[in-house]
Amino acid sequence: MDAKFLDILVCPLCKGPLVYRKAEQELVCKGDRLAFPIRDGIPMMLESEARELPAEEEVE
């Protein structure tokens, strides 16, 4: 993902910052504990596409 693109992306729910997980191809919102998938280089920024992060999963 392009670093400039990542700088302007925010969580669609809370408008908070996102953490890019390269290995998992996800953008993670720490506040909402949601992980938005990246498919073919395109972030899927819909709540219905996101997975909820379990309480035991660390968000770095």
Protein backbone atom coordinates (compact mmCIF):
# COMPACT_ATOMS: atom_id res chain seq x y z
CA MET A 1 0.00 0.00 0.00
CA ASP A 2 1.14 3.50 -0.78
CA ALA A 3 2.15 5.35 2.39
CA LYS A 4 0.45 8.57 1.21
CA PHE A 5 -2.79 6.67 0.70
CA LEU A 6 -2.56 5.16 4.19
CA ASP A 7 -2.10 8.63 5.70
CA ILE A 8 -5.50 9.81 4.46
CA LEU A 9 -7.51 6.65 5.24
CA VAL A 10 -9.46 6.63 8.51
CA CYS A 11 -11.95 4.28 10.10
CA PRO A 12 -15.34 4.79 8.43
CA LEU A 13 -17.10 4.45 11.80
CA CYS A 14 -15.13 6.54 14.29
CA LYS A 15 -12.84 8.44 11.87
CA GLY A 16 -9.85 7.25 13.90
CA PRO A 17 -6.45 6.21 12.53
CA LEU A 18 -5.88 2.78 11.01
CA VAL A 19 -2.95 0.39 11.47
CA TYR A 20 -1.72 -1.37 8.32
CA ARG A 21 -1.00 -5.08 8.81
CA LYS A 22 0.96 -6.02 5.73
CA ALA A 23 1.15 -9.78 6.36
CA GLU A 24 -2.60 -10.06 6.98
CA GLN A 25 -3.52 -7.48 4.30
CA GLU A 26 -5.74 -5.60 6.73
CA LEU A 27 -6.32 -2.11 8.05
CA VAL A 28 -7.12 -2.21 11.76
CA CYS A 29 -9.04 0.30 13.85
CA LYS A 30 -7.86 -0.03 17.46
CA GLY A 31 -10.80 1.94 18.86
CA ASP A 32 -13.54 -0.14 17.25
CA ARG A 33 -11.46 -3.36 17.22
CA LEU A 34 -12.28 -3.97 13.55
CA ALA A 35 -10.05 -5.22 10.75
CA PHE A 36 -10.89 -4.09 7.22
CA PRO A 37 -9.54 -6.42 4.51
CA ILE A 38 -7.45 -5.31 1.55
CA ARG A 39 -8.33 -7.26 -1.61
CA ASP A 40 -6.28 -6.88 -4.78
CA GLY A 41 -4.77 -3.71 -3.33
CA ILE A 42 -8.18 -2.14 -2.58
CA PRO A 43 -9.23 -1.51 1.04
CA MET A 44 -12.76 -2.74 1.75
CA MET A 45 -13.90 0.04 4.07
CA LEU A 46 -17.43 -1.20 4.75
CA GLU A 47 -18.49 -2.26 8.24
CA SER A 48 -20.11 -5.36 6.73
CA GLU A 49 -16.74 -6.41 5.25
CA ALA A 50 -14.78 -5.93 8.49
CA ARG A 51 -14.03 -8.65 10.99
CA GLU A 52 -14.27 -8.06 14.70
CA LEU A 53 -11.02 -8.54 16.56
CA PRO A 54 -11.24 -10.93 19.51
CA ALA A 55 -10.31 -9.47 22.91
CA GLU A 56 -7.16 -11.62 23.10
CA GLU A 57 -5.82 -10.42 19.72
CA GLU A 58 -3.17 -7.74 20.13
CA VAL A 59 -3.36 -4.61 18.01
CA GLU A 60 0.07 -3.04 17.46
